[in-house]
Amino acid sequence: AKNTVYLQMNSLKPEDTAVYYCNAEVAPS
């Protein structure tokens, strides 16, 4: 309904360090 996604990240590790990018499919793109 809100066209929103949520990523809950627990027990984070140093190797999780990164730039996180959201992606969405709206056919055909």
mmCIF file of all heavy atoms, coordinates in Angstrom:
data_MODEL
# 
_entry.id   MODEL 
# 
loop_
_atom_site.group_PDB 
_atom_site.id 
_atom_site.type_symbol 
_atom_site.label_atom_id 
_atom_site.label_alt_id 
_atom_site.label_comp_id 
_atom_site.label_asym_id 
_atom_site.label_entity_id 
_atom_site.label_seq_id 
_atom_site.pdbx_PDB_ins_code 
_atom_site.Cartn_x 
_atom_site.Cartn_y 
_atom_site.Cartn_z 
_atom_site.occupancy 
_atom_site.B_iso_or_equiv 
_atom_site.pdbx_formal_charge 
_atom_site.auth_seq_id 
_atom_site.auth_comp_id 
_atom_site.auth_asym_id 
_atom_site.auth_atom_id 
_atom_site.pdbx_PDB_model_num 
ATOM 1   N N   . ALA A 1 1  ? 0.829  -1.212  0.000   1.00 0.00 ? 1  ALA A N   1 
ATOM 2   C CA  . ALA A 1 1  ? 0.000  0.000   0.000   1.00 0.00 ? 1  ALA A CA  1 
ATOM 3   C C   . ALA A 1 1  ? 0.861  1.259   0.000   1.00 0.00 ? 1  ALA A C   1 
ATOM 4   O O   . ALA A 1 1  ? 0.477  2.290   -0.552  1.00 0.00 ? 1  ALA A O   1 
ATOM 5   C CB  . ALA A 1 1  ? -0.943 0.004   1.189   1.00 0.00 ? 1  ALA A CB  1 
ATOM 6   N N   . LYS A 1 2  ? 2.035  1.161   0.611   1.00 0.00 ? 2  LYS A N   1 
ATOM 7   C CA  . LYS A 1 2  ? 2.941  2.305   0.683   1.00 0.00 ? 2  LYS A CA  1 
ATOM 8   C C   . LYS A 1 2  ? 4.083  2.207   -0.313  1.00 0.00 ? 2  LYS A C   1 
ATOM 9   O O   . LYS A 1 2  ? 4.941  3.091   -0.354  1.00 0.00 ? 2  LYS A O   1 
ATOM 10  C CB  . LYS A 1 2  ? 3.518  2.421   2.101   1.00 0.00 ? 2  LYS A CB  1 
ATOM 11  C CG  . LYS A 1 2  ? 2.481  2.712   3.174   1.00 0.00 ? 2  LYS A CG  1 
ATOM 12  C CD  . LYS A 1 2  ? 3.136  2.840   4.546   1.00 0.00 ? 2  LYS A CD  1 
ATOM 13  C CE  . LYS A 1 2  ? 2.110  3.170   5.619   1.00 0.00 ? 2  LYS A CE  1 
ATOM 14  N NZ  . LYS A 1 2  ? 2.741  3.283   6.955   1.00 0.00 ? 2  LYS A NZ  1 
ATOM 15  N N   . ASN A 1 3  ? 4.121  1.135   -1.088  1.00 0.00 ? 3  ASN A N   1 
ATOM 16  C CA  . ASN A 1 3  ? 5.217  0.909   -2.035  1.00 0.00 ? 3  ASN A CA  1 
ATOM 17  C C   . ASN A 1 3  ? 6.571  1.037   -1.347  1.00 0.00 ? 3  ASN A C   1 
ATOM 18  O O   . ASN A 1 3  ? 7.491  1.692   -1.856  1.00 0.00 ? 3  ASN A O   1 
ATOM 19  C CB  . ASN A 1 3  ? 5.125  1.879   -3.222  1.00 0.00 ? 3  ASN A CB  1 
ATOM 20  C CG  . ASN A 1 3  ? 3.932  1.588   -4.106  1.00 0.00 ? 3  ASN A CG  1 
ATOM 21  O OD1 . ASN A 1 3  ? 3.629  0.427   -4.385  1.00 0.00 ? 3  ASN A OD1 1 
ATOM 22  N ND2 . ASN A 1 3  ? 3.242  2.628   -4.538  1.00 0.00 ? 3  ASN A ND2 1 
ATOM 23  N N   . THR A 1 4  ? 6.674  0.422   -0.196  1.00 0.00 ? 4  THR A N   1 
ATOM 24  C CA  . THR A 1 4  ? 7.867  0.543   0.642   1.00 0.00 ? 4  THR A CA  1 
ATOM 25  C C   . THR A 1 4  ? 8.343  -0.825  1.095   1.00 0.00 ? 4  THR A C   1 
ATOM 26  O O   . THR A 1 4  ? 7.518  -1.703  1.389   1.00 0.00 ? 4  THR A O   1 
ATOM 27  C CB  . THR A 1 4  ? 7.560  1.422   1.871   1.00 0.00 ? 4  THR A CB  1 
ATOM 28  O OG1 . THR A 1 4  ? 7.158  2.729   1.428   1.00 0.00 ? 4  THR A OG1 1 
ATOM 29  C CG2 . THR A 1 4  ? 8.781  1.564   2.758   1.00 0.00 ? 4  THR A CG2 1 
ATOM 30  N N   . VAL A 1 5  ? 9.661  -0.984  1.130   1.00 0.00 ? 5  VAL A N   1 
ATOM 31  C CA  . VAL A 1 5  ? 10.248 -2.188  1.696   1.00 0.00 ? 5  VAL A CA  1 
ATOM 32  C C   . VAL A 1 5  ? 11.125 -1.788  2.877   1.00 0.00 ? 5  VAL A C   1 
ATOM 33  O O   . VAL A 1 5  ? 11.664 -0.673  2.925   1.00 0.00 ? 5  VAL A O   1 
ATOM 34  C CB  . VAL A 1 5  ? 11.086 -2.989  0.679   1.00 0.00 ? 5  VAL A CB  1 
ATOM 35  C CG1 . VAL A 1 5  ? 10.192 -3.613  -0.382  1.00 0.00 ? 5  VAL A CG1 1 
ATOM 36  C CG2 . VAL A 1 5  ? 12.166 -2.130  0.041   1.00 0.00 ? 5  VAL A CG2 1 
ATOM 37  N N   . TYR A 1 6  ? 11.257 -2.729  3.802   1.00 0.00 ? 6  TYR A N   1 
ATOM 38  C CA  . TYR A 1 6  ? 12.028 -2.508  5.020   1.00 0.00 ? 6  TYR A CA  1 
ATOM 39  C C   . TYR A 1 6  ? 13.018 -3.650  5.182   1.00 0.00 ? 6  TYR A C   1 
ATOM 40  O O   . TYR A 1 6  ? 12.631 -4.818  5.077   1.00 0.00 ? 6  TYR A O   1 
ATOM 41  C CB  . TYR A 1 6  ? 11.103 -2.454  6.231   1.00 0.00 ? 6  TYR A CB  1 
ATOM 42  C CG  . TYR A 1 6  ? 9.977  -1.474  6.097   1.00 0.00 ? 6  TYR A CG  1 
ATOM 43  C CD1 . TYR A 1 6  ? 8.726  -1.880  5.635   1.00 0.00 ? 6  TYR A CD1 1 
ATOM 44  C CD2 . TYR A 1 6  ? 10.160 -0.133  6.417   1.00 0.00 ? 6  TYR A CD2 1 
ATOM 45  C CE1 . TYR A 1 6  ? 7.681  -0.977  5.505   1.00 0.00 ? 6  TYR A CE1 1 
ATOM 46  C CE2 . TYR A 1 6  ? 9.116  0.776   6.289   1.00 0.00 ? 6  TYR A CE2 1 
ATOM 47  C CZ  . TYR A 1 6  ? 7.886  0.346   5.836   1.00 0.00 ? 6  TYR A CZ  1 
ATOM 48  O OH  . TYR A 1 6  ? 6.861  1.241   5.699   1.00 0.00 ? 6  TYR A OH  1 
ATOM 49  N N   . LEU A 1 7  ? 14.262 -3.312  5.465   1.00 0.00 ? 7  LEU A N   1 
ATOM 50  C CA  . LEU A 1 7  ? 15.273 -4.327  5.723   1.00 0.00 ? 7  LEU A CA  1 
ATOM 51  C C   . LEU A 1 7  ? 15.726 -4.185  7.173   1.00 0.00 ? 7  LEU A C   1 
ATOM 52  O O   . LEU A 1 7  ? 16.434 -3.230  7.515   1.00 0.00 ? 7  LEU A O   1 
ATOM 53  C CB  . LEU A 1 7  ? 16.454 -4.176  4.765   1.00 0.00 ? 7  LEU A CB  1 
ATOM 54  C CG  . LEU A 1 7  ? 17.547 -5.237  4.909   1.00 0.00 ? 7  LEU A CG  1 
ATOM 55  C CD1 . LEU A 1 7  ? 17.003 -6.611  4.492   1.00 0.00 ? 7  LEU A CD1 1 
ATOM 56  C CD2 . LEU A 1 7  ? 18.771 -4.878  4.067   1.00 0.00 ? 7  LEU A CD2 1 
ATOM 57  N N   . GLN A 1 8  ? 15.302 -5.110  7.994   1.00 0.00 ? 8  GLN A N   1 
ATOM 58  C CA  . GLN A 1 8  ? 15.733 -5.128  9.391   1.00 0.00 ? 8  GLN A CA  1 
ATOM 59  C C   . GLN A 1 8  ? 17.022 -5.920  9.469   1.00 0.00 ? 8  GLN A C   1 
ATOM 60  O O   . GLN A 1 8  ? 17.048 -7.104  9.108   1.00 0.00 ? 8  GLN A O   1 
ATOM 61  C CB  . GLN A 1 8  ? 14.657 -5.764  10.278  1.00 0.00 ? 8  GLN A CB  1 
ATOM 62  C CG  . GLN A 1 8  ? 15.040 -5.856  11.737  1.00 0.00 ? 8  GLN A CG  1 
ATOM 63  C CD  . GLN A 1 8  ? 15.193 -4.506  12.384  1.00 0.00 ? 8  GLN A CD  1 
ATOM 64  O OE1 . GLN A 1 8  ? 14.383 -3.609  12.177  1.00 0.00 ? 8  GLN A OE1 1 
ATOM 65  N NE2 . GLN A 1 8  ? 16.246 -4.341  13.192  1.00 0.00 ? 8  GLN A NE2 1 
ATOM 66  N N   . MET A 1 9  ? 18.079 -5.274  9.928   1.00 0.00 ? 9  MET A N   1 
ATOM 67  C CA  . MET A 1 9  ? 19.393 -5.901  9.987   1.00 0.00 ? 9  MET A CA  1 
ATOM 68  C C   . MET A 1 9  ? 19.817 -6.038  11.441  1.00 0.00 ? 9  MET A C   1 
ATOM 69  O O   . MET A 1 9  ? 19.998 -5.041  12.138  1.00 0.00 ? 9  MET A O   1 
ATOM 70  C CB  . MET A 1 9  ? 20.423 -5.061  9.203   1.00 0.00 ? 9  MET A CB  1 
ATOM 71  C CG  . MET A 1 9  ? 20.022 -4.796  7.764   1.00 0.00 ? 9  MET A CG  1 
ATOM 72  S SD  . MET A 1 9  ? 21.305 -3.964  6.809   1.00 0.00 ? 9  MET A SD  1 
ATOM 73  C CE  . MET A 1 9  ? 21.366 -2.376  7.636   1.00 0.00 ? 9  MET A CE  1 
ATOM 74  N N   . ASN A 1 10 ? 19.936 -7.273  11.895  1.00 0.00 ? 10 ASN A N   1 
ATOM 75  C CA  . ASN A 1 10 ? 20.354 -7.566  13.268  1.00 0.00 ? 10 ASN A CA  1 
ATOM 76  C C   . ASN A 1 10 ? 21.702 -8.277  13.264  1.00 0.00 ? 10 ASN A C   1 
ATOM 77  O O   . ASN A 1 10 ? 22.147 -8.784  12.240  1.00 0.00 ? 10 ASN A O   1 
ATOM 78  C CB  . ASN A 1 10 ? 19.302 -8.436  13.953  1.00 0.00 ? 10 ASN A CB  1 
ATOM 79  C CG  . ASN A 1 10 ? 17.951 -7.767  14.058  1.00 0.00 ? 10 ASN A CG  1 
ATOM 80  O OD1 . ASN A 1 10 ? 17.837 -6.545  14.178  1.00 0.00 ? 10 ASN A OD1 1 
ATOM 81  N ND2 . ASN A 1 10 ? 16.887 -8.567  14.007  1.00 0.00 ? 10 ASN A ND2 1 
ATOM 82  N N   . SER A 1 11 ? 22.321 -8.312  14.424  1.00 0.00 ? 11 SER A N   1 
ATOM 83  C CA  . SER A 1 11 ? 23.607 -8.998  14.577  1.00 0.00 ? 11 SER A CA  1 
ATOM 84  C C   . SER A 1 11 ? 24.595 -8.572  13.500  1.00 0.00 ? 11 SER A C   1 
ATOM 85  O O   . SER A 1 11 ? 25.252 -9.404  12.858  1.00 0.00 ? 11 SER A O   1 
ATOM 86  C CB  . SER A 1 11 ? 23.399 -10.518 14.525  1.00 0.00 ? 11 SER A CB  1 
ATOM 87  O OG  . SER A 1 11 ? 22.510 -10.936 15.540  1.00 0.00 ? 11 SER A OG  1 
ATOM 88  N N   . LEU A 1 12 ? 24.689 -7.280  13.305  1.00 0.00 ? 12 LEU A N   1 
ATOM 89  C CA  . LEU A 1 12 ? 25.548 -6.762  12.238  1.00 0.00 ? 12 LEU A CA  1 
ATOM 90  C C   . LEU A 1 12 ? 27.017 -7.049  12.512  1.00 0.00 ? 12 LEU A C   1 
ATOM 91  O O   . LEU A 1 12 ? 27.467 -7.076  13.670  1.00 0.00 ? 12 LEU A O   1 
ATOM 92  C CB  . LEU A 1 12 ? 25.327 -5.263  12.074  1.00 0.00 ? 12 LEU A CB  1 
ATOM 93  C CG  . LEU A 1 12 ? 24.040 -4.900  11.322  1.00 0.00 ? 12 LEU A CG  1 
ATOM 94  C CD1 . LEU A 1 12 ? 23.634 -3.453  11.583  1.00 0.00 ? 12 LEU A CD1 1 
ATOM 95  C CD2 . LEU A 1 12 ? 24.212 -5.149  9.833   1.00 0.00 ? 12 LEU A CD2 1 
ATOM 96  N N   . LYS A 1 13 ? 27.741 -7.288  11.420  1.00 0.00 ? 13 LYS A N   1 
ATOM 97  C CA  . LYS A 1 13 ? 29.161 -7.613  11.485  1.00 0.00 ? 13 LYS A CA  1 
ATOM 98  C C   . LYS A 1 13 ? 29.958 -6.550  10.710  1.00 0.00 ? 13 LYS A C   1 
ATOM 99  O O   . LYS A 1 13 ? 29.412 -5.931  9.794   1.00 0.00 ? 13 LYS A O   1 
ATOM 100 C CB  . LYS A 1 13 ? 29.410 -8.975  10.843  1.00 0.00 ? 13 LYS A CB  1 
ATOM 101 C CG  . LYS A 1 13 ? 28.594 -10.107 11.426  1.00 0.00 ? 13 LYS A CG  1 
ATOM 102 C CD  . LYS A 1 13 ? 28.810 -11.393 10.634  1.00 0.00 ? 13 LYS A CD  1 
ATOM 103 C CE  . LYS A 1 13 ? 27.984 -12.542 11.187  1.00 0.00 ? 13 LYS A CE  1 
ATOM 104 N NZ  . LYS A 1 13 ? 28.187 -13.794 10.406  1.00 0.00 ? 13 LYS A NZ  1 
ATOM 105 N N   . PRO A 1 14 ? 31.219 -6.373  11.024  1.00 0.00 ? 14 PRO A N   1 
ATOM 106 C CA  . PRO A 1 14 ? 32.030 -5.404  10.263  1.00 0.00 ? 14 PRO A CA  1 
ATOM 107 C C   . PRO A 1 14 ? 32.008 -5.678  8.759   1.00 0.00 ? 14 PRO A C   1 
ATOM 108 O O   . PRO A 1 14 ? 32.037 -4.731  7.964   1.00 0.00 ? 14 PRO A O   1 
ATOM 109 C CB  . PRO A 1 14 ? 33.423 -5.592  10.848  1.00 0.00 ? 14 PRO A CB  1 
ATOM 110 C CG  . PRO A 1 14 ? 33.181 -6.016  12.268  1.00 0.00 ? 14 PRO A CG  1 
ATOM 111 C CD  . PRO A 1 14 ? 31.964 -6.902  12.184  1.00 0.00 ? 14 PRO A CD  1 
ATOM 112 N N   . GLU A 1 15 ? 31.916 -6.939  8.374   1.00 0.00 ? 15 GLU A N   1 
ATOM 113 C CA  . GLU A 1 15 ? 31.888 -7.266  6.951   1.00 0.00 ? 15 GLU A CA  1 
ATOM 114 C C   . GLU A 1 15 ? 30.570 -6.890  6.272   1.00 0.00 ? 15 GLU A C   1 
ATOM 115 O O   . GLU A 1 15 ? 30.455 -7.008  5.048   1.00 0.00 ? 15 GLU A O   1 
ATOM 116 C CB  . GLU A 1 15 ? 32.185 -8.757  6.732   1.00 0.00 ? 15 GLU A CB  1 
ATOM 117 C CG  . GLU A 1 15 ? 31.348 -9.695  7.558   1.00 0.00 ? 15 GLU A CG  1 
ATOM 118 C CD  . GLU A 1 15 ? 32.059 -10.145 8.833   1.00 0.00 ? 15 GLU A CD  1 
ATOM 119 O OE1 . GLU A 1 15 ? 32.675 -9.291  9.511   1.00 0.00 ? 15 GLU A OE1 1 
ATOM 120 O OE2 . GLU A 1 15 ? 31.978 -11.358 9.139   1.00 0.00 ? 15 GLU A OE2 1 
ATOM 121 N N   . ASP A 1 16 ? 29.594 -6.452  7.033   1.00 0.00 ? 16 ASP A N   1 
ATOM 122 C CA  . ASP A 1 16 ? 28.356 -5.940  6.447   1.00 0.00 ? 16 ASP A CA  1 
ATOM 123 C C   . ASP A 1 16 ? 28.510 -4.480  6.007   1.00 0.00 ? 16 ASP A C   1 
ATOM 124 O O   . ASP A 1 16 ? 27.589 -3.929  5.387   1.00 0.00 ? 16 ASP A O   1 
ATOM 125 C CB  . ASP A 1 16 ? 27.198 -6.023  7.446   1.00 0.00 ? 16 ASP A CB  1 
ATOM 126 C CG  . ASP A 1 16 ? 26.812 -7.455  7.772   1.00 0.00 ? 16 ASP A CG  1 
ATOM 127 O OD1 . ASP A 1 16 ? 26.760 -8.282  6.834   1.00 0.00 ? 16 ASP A OD1 1 
ATOM 128 O OD2 . ASP A 1 16 ? 26.532 -7.740  8.948   1.00 0.00 ? 16 ASP A OD2 1 
ATOM 129 N N   . THR A 1 17 ? 29.640 -3.880  6.314   1.00 0.00 ? 17 THR A N   1 
ATOM 130 C CA  . THR A 1 17 ? 29.887 -2.499  5.918   1.00 0.00 ? 17 THR A CA  1 
ATOM 131 C C   . THR A 1 17 ? 29.871 -2.372  4.402   1.00 0.00 ? 17 THR A C   1 
ATOM 132 O O   . THR A 1 17 ? 30.597 -3.083  3.705   1.00 0.00 ? 17 THR A O   1 
ATOM 133 C CB  . THR A 1 17 ? 31.229 -2.013  6.469   1.00 0.00 ? 17 THR A CB  1 
ATOM 134 O OG1 . THR A 1 17 ? 31.163 -1.997  7.900   1.00 0.00 ? 17 THR A OG1 1 
ATOM 135 C CG2 . THR A 1 17 ? 31.560 -0.622  5.955   1.00 0.00 ? 17 THR A CG2 1 
ATOM 136 N N   . ALA A 1 18 ? 29.026 -1.471  3.895   1.00 0.00 ? 18 ALA A N   1 
ATOM 137 C CA  . ALA A 1 18 ? 28.870 -1.300  2.447   1.00 0.00 ? 18 ALA A CA  1 
ATOM 138 C C   . ALA A 1 18 ? 27.874 -0.173  2.194   1.00 0.00 ? 18 ALA A C   1 
ATOM 139 O O   . ALA A 1 18 ? 27.215 0.303   3.121   1.00 0.00 ? 18 ALA A O   1 
ATOM 140 C CB  . ALA A 1 18 ? 28.370 -2.578  1.797   1.00 0.00 ? 18 ALA A CB  1 
ATOM 141 N N   . VAL A 1 19 ? 27.778 0.210   0.926   1.00 0.00 ? 19 VAL A N   1 
ATOM 142 C CA  . VAL A 1 19 ? 26.673 1.053   0.505   1.00 0.00 ? 19 VAL A CA  1 
ATOM 143 C C   . VAL A 1 19 ? 25.540 0.118   0.084   1.00 0.00 ? 19 VAL A C   1 
ATOM 144 O O   . VAL A 1 19 ? 25.753 -0.786  -0.727  1.00 0.00 ? 19 VAL A O   1 
ATOM 145 C CB  . VAL A 1 19 ? 27.063 1.979   -0.661  1.00 0.00 ? 19 VAL A CB  1 
ATOM 146 C CG1 . VAL A 1 19 ? 25.857 2.804   -1.118  1.00 0.00 ? 19 VAL A CG1 1 
ATOM 147 C CG2 . VAL A 1 19 ? 28.215 2.892   -0.250  1.00 0.00 ? 19 VAL A CG2 1 
ATOM 148 N N   . TYR A 1 20 ? 24.385 0.340   0.648   1.00 0.00 ? 20 TYR A N   1 
ATOM 149 C CA  . TYR A 1 20 ? 23.226 -0.498  0.366   1.00 0.00 ? 20 TYR A CA  1 
ATOM 150 C C   . TYR A 1 20 ? 22.311 0.230   -0.620  1.00 0.00 ? 20 TYR A C   1 
ATOM 151 O O   . TYR A 1 20 ? 21.957 1.391   -0.399  1.00 0.00 ? 20 TYR A O   1 
ATOM 152 C CB  . TYR A 1 20 ? 22.481 -0.819  1.657   1.00 0.00 ? 20 TYR A CB  1 
ATOM 153 C CG  . TYR A 1 20 ? 23.188 -1.875  2.480   1.00 0.00 ? 20 TYR A CG  1 
ATOM 154 C CD1 . TYR A 1 20 ? 24.394 -1.584  3.098   1.00 0.00 ? 20 TYR A CD1 1 
ATOM 155 C CD2 . TYR A 1 20 ? 22.654 -3.156  2.624   1.00 0.00 ? 20 TYR A CD2 1 
ATOM 156 C CE1 . TYR A 1 20 ? 25.065 -2.561  3.838   1.00 0.00 ? 20 TYR A CE1 1 
ATOM 157 C CE2 . TYR A 1 20 ? 23.304 -4.130  3.366   1.00 0.00 ? 20 TYR A CE2 1 
ATOM 158 C CZ  . TYR A 1 20 ? 24.515 -3.826  3.961   1.00 0.00 ? 20 TYR A CZ  1 
ATOM 159 O OH  . TYR A 1 20 ? 25.166 -4.795  4.694   1.00 0.00 ? 20 TYR A OH  1 
ATOM 160 N N   . TYR A 1 21 ? 21.936 -0.490  -1.678  1.00 0.00 ? 21 TYR A N   1 
ATOM 161 C CA  . TYR A 1 21 ? 21.122 0.083   -2.743  1.00 0.00 ? 21 TYR A CA  1 
ATOM 162 C C   . TYR A 1 21 ? 19.777 -0.630  -2.826  1.00 0.00 ? 21 TYR A C   1 
ATOM 163 O O   . TYR A 1 21 ? 19.722 -1.869  -2.858  1.00 0.00 ? 21 TYR A O   1 
ATOM 164 C CB  . TYR A 1 21 ? 21.811 -0.057  -4.087  1.00 0.00 ? 21 TYR A CB  1 
ATOM 165 C CG  . TYR A 1 21 ? 23.098 0.716   -4.224  1.00 0.00 ? 21 TYR A CG  1 
ATOM 166 C CD1 . TYR A 1 21 ? 24.318 0.138   -3.898  1.00 0.00 ? 21 TYR A CD1 1 
ATOM 167 C CD2 . TYR A 1 21 ? 23.085 2.032   -4.684  1.00 0.00 ? 21 TYR A CD2 1 
ATOM 168 C CE1 . TYR A 1 21 ? 25.500 0.848   -4.027  1.00 0.00 ? 21 TYR A CE1 1 
ATOM 169 C CE2 . TYR A 1 21 ? 24.261 2.748   -4.823  1.00 0.00 ? 21 TYR A CE2 1 
ATOM 170 C CZ  . TYR A 1 21 ? 25.466 2.149   -4.490  1.00 0.00 ? 21 TYR A CZ  1 
ATOM 171 O OH  . TYR A 1 21 ? 26.632 2.859   -4.617  1.00 0.00 ? 21 TYR A OH  1 
ATOM 172 N N   . CYS A 1 22 ? 18.729 0.151   -2.917  1.00 0.00 ? 22 CYS A N   1 
ATOM 173 C CA  . CYS A 1 22 ? 17.396 -0.394  -3.133  1.00 0.00 ? 22 CYS A CA  1 
ATOM 174 C C   . CYS A 1 22 ? 17.176 -0.600  -4.624  1.00 0.00 ? 22 CYS A C   1 
ATOM 175 O O   . CYS A 1 22 ? 17.676 0.171   -5.454  1.00 0.00 ? 22 CYS A O   1 
ATOM 176 C CB  . CYS A 1 22 ? 16.354 0.579   -2.581  1.00 0.00 ? 22 CYS A CB  1 
ATOM 177 S SG  . CYS A 1 22 ? 14.651 0.044   -2.773  1.00 0.00 ? 22 CYS A SG  1 
ATOM 178 N N   . ASN A 1 23 ? 16.418 -1.624  -4.950  1.00 0.00 ? 23 ASN A N   1 
ATOM 179 C CA  . ASN A 1 23 ? 16.128 -1.961  -6.332  1.00 0.00 ? 23 ASN A CA  1 
ATOM 180 C C   . ASN A 1 23 ? 14.652 -2.295  -6.460  1.00 0.00 ? 23 ASN A C   1 
ATOM 181 O O   . ASN A 1 23 ? 14.080 -2.939  -5.576  1.00 0.00 ? 23 ASN A O   1 
ATOM 182 C CB  . ASN A 1 23 ? 16.980 -3.165  -6.754  1.00 0.00 ? 23 ASN A CB  1 
ATOM 183 C CG  . ASN A 1 23 ? 16.662 -3.655  -8.148  1.00 0.00 ? 23 ASN A CG  1 
ATOM 184 O OD1 . ASN A 1 23 ? 15.777 -4.493  -8.336  1.00 0.00 ? 23 ASN A OD1 1 
ATOM 185 N ND2 . ASN A 1 23 ? 17.366 -3.139  -9.127  1.00 0.00 ? 23 ASN A ND2 1 
ATOM 186 N N   . ALA A 1 24 ? 14.051 -1.854  -7.558  1.00 0.00 ? 24 ALA A N   1 
ATOM 187 C CA  . ALA A 1 24 ? 12.636 -2.159  -7.786  1.00 0.00 ? 24 ALA A CA  1 
ATOM 188 C C   . ALA A 1 24 ? 12.411 -2.497  -9.249  1.00 0.00 ? 24 ALA A C   1 
ATOM 189 O O   . ALA A 1 24 ? 12.987 -1.865  -10.146 1.00 0.00 ? 24 ALA A O   1 
ATOM 190 C CB  . ALA A 1 24 ? 11.759 -0.985  -7.385  1.00 0.00 ? 24 ALA A CB  1 
ATOM 191 N N   . GLU A 1 25 ? 11.576 -3.475  -9.459  1.00 0.00 ? 25 GLU A N   1 
ATOM 192 C CA  . GLU A 1 25 ? 11.215 -3.885  -10.813 1.00 0.00 ? 25 GLU A CA  1 
ATOM 193 C C   . GLU A 1 25 ? 9.863  -3.284  -11.166 1.00 0.00 ? 25 GLU A C   1 
ATOM 194 O O   . GLU A 1 25 ? 8.864  -3.541  -10.494 1.00 0.00 ? 25 GLU A O   1 
ATOM 195 C CB  . GLU A 1 25 ? 11.123 -5.407  -10.908 1.00 0.00 ? 25 GLU A CB  1 
ATOM 196 C CG  . GLU A 1 25 ? 10.641 -5.904  -12.265 1.00 0.00 ? 25 GLU A CG  1 
ATOM 197 C CD  . GLU A 1 25 ? 10.250 -7.368  -12.243 1.00 0.00 ? 25 GLU A CD  1 
ATOM 198 O OE1 . GLU A 1 25 ? 10.126 -7.925  -11.140 1.00 0.00 ? 25 GLU A OE1 1 
ATOM 199 O OE2 . GLU A 1 25 ? 10.071 -7.939  -13.328 1.00 0.00 ? 25 GLU A OE2 1 
ATOM 200 N N   . VAL A 1 26 ? 9.860  -2.446  -12.201 1.00 0.00 ? 26 VAL A N   1 
ATOM 201 C CA  . VAL A 1 26 ? 8.625  -1.944  -12.777 1.00 0.00 ? 26 VAL A CA  1 
ATOM 202 C C   . VAL A 1 26 ? 8.731  -2.274  -14.258 1.00 0.00 ? 26 VAL A C   1 
ATOM 203 O O   . VAL A 1 26 ? 9.386  -1.569  -15.020 1.00 0.00 ? 26 VAL A O   1 
ATOM 204 C CB  . VAL A 1 26 ? 8.444  -0.429  -12.555 1.00 0.00 ? 26 VAL A CB  1 
ATOM 205 C CG1 . VAL A 1 26 ? 7.102  0.031   -13.128 1.00 0.00 ? 26 VAL A CG1 1 
ATOM 206 C CG2 . VAL A 1 26 ? 8.529  -0.087  -11.079 1.00 0.00 ? 26 VAL A CG2 1 
ATOM 207 N N   . ALA A 1 27 ? 8.136  -3.394  -14.599 1.00 0.00 ? 27 ALA A N   1 
ATOM 208 C CA  . ALA A 1 27 ? 8.323  -3.959  -15.939 1.00 0.00 ? 27 ALA A CA  1 
ATOM 209 C C   . ALA A 1 27 ? 8.114  -2.920  -17.041 1.00 0.00 ? 27 ALA A C   1 
ATOM 210 O O   . ALA A 1 27 ? 7.161  -2.134  -16.976 1.00 0.00 ? 27 ALA A O   1 
ATOM 211 C CB  . ALA A 1 27 ? 7.372  -5.133  -16.133 1.00 0.00 ? 27 ALA A CB  1 
ATOM 212 N N   . PRO A 1 28 ? 9.014  -2.909  -18.026 1.00 0.00 ? 28 PRO A N   1 
ATOM 213 C CA  . PRO A 1 28 ? 10.109 -3.852  -18.233 1.00 0.00 ? 28 PRO A CA  1 
ATOM 214 C C   . PRO A 1 28 ? 11.452 -3.384  -17.665 1.00 0.00 ? 28 PRO A C   1 
ATOM 215 O O   . PRO A 1 28 ? 12.485 -3.918  -18.026 1.00 0.00 ? 28 PRO A O   1 
ATOM 216 C CB  . PRO A 1 28 ? 10.186 -3.903  -19.758 1.00 0.00 ? 28 PRO A CB  1 
ATOM 217 C CG  . PRO A 1 28 ? 9.888  -2.498  -20.169 1.00 0.00 ? 28 PRO A CG  1 
ATOM 218 C CD  . PRO A 1 28 ? 8.862  -1.985  -19.182 1.00 0.00 ? 28 PRO A CD  1 
ATOM 219 N N   . SER A 1 29 ? 11.441 -2.383  -16.773 1.00 0.00 ? 29 SER A N   1 
ATOM 220 C CA  . SER A 1 29 ? 12.687 -1.776  -16.301 1.00 0.00 ? 29 SER A CA  1 
ATOM 221 C C   . SER A 1 29 ? 12.967 -2.108  -14.842 1.00 0.00 ? 29 SER A C   1 
ATOM 222 O O   . SER A 1 29 ? 12.084 -2.536  -14.100 1.00 0.00 ? 29 SER A O   1 
ATOM 223 C CB  . SER A 1 29 ? 12.622 -0.256  -16.470 1.00 0.00 ? 29 SER A CB  1 
ATOM 224 O OG  . SER A 1 29 ? 12.383 0.103   -17.807 1.00 0.00 ? 29 SER A OG  1 
# 
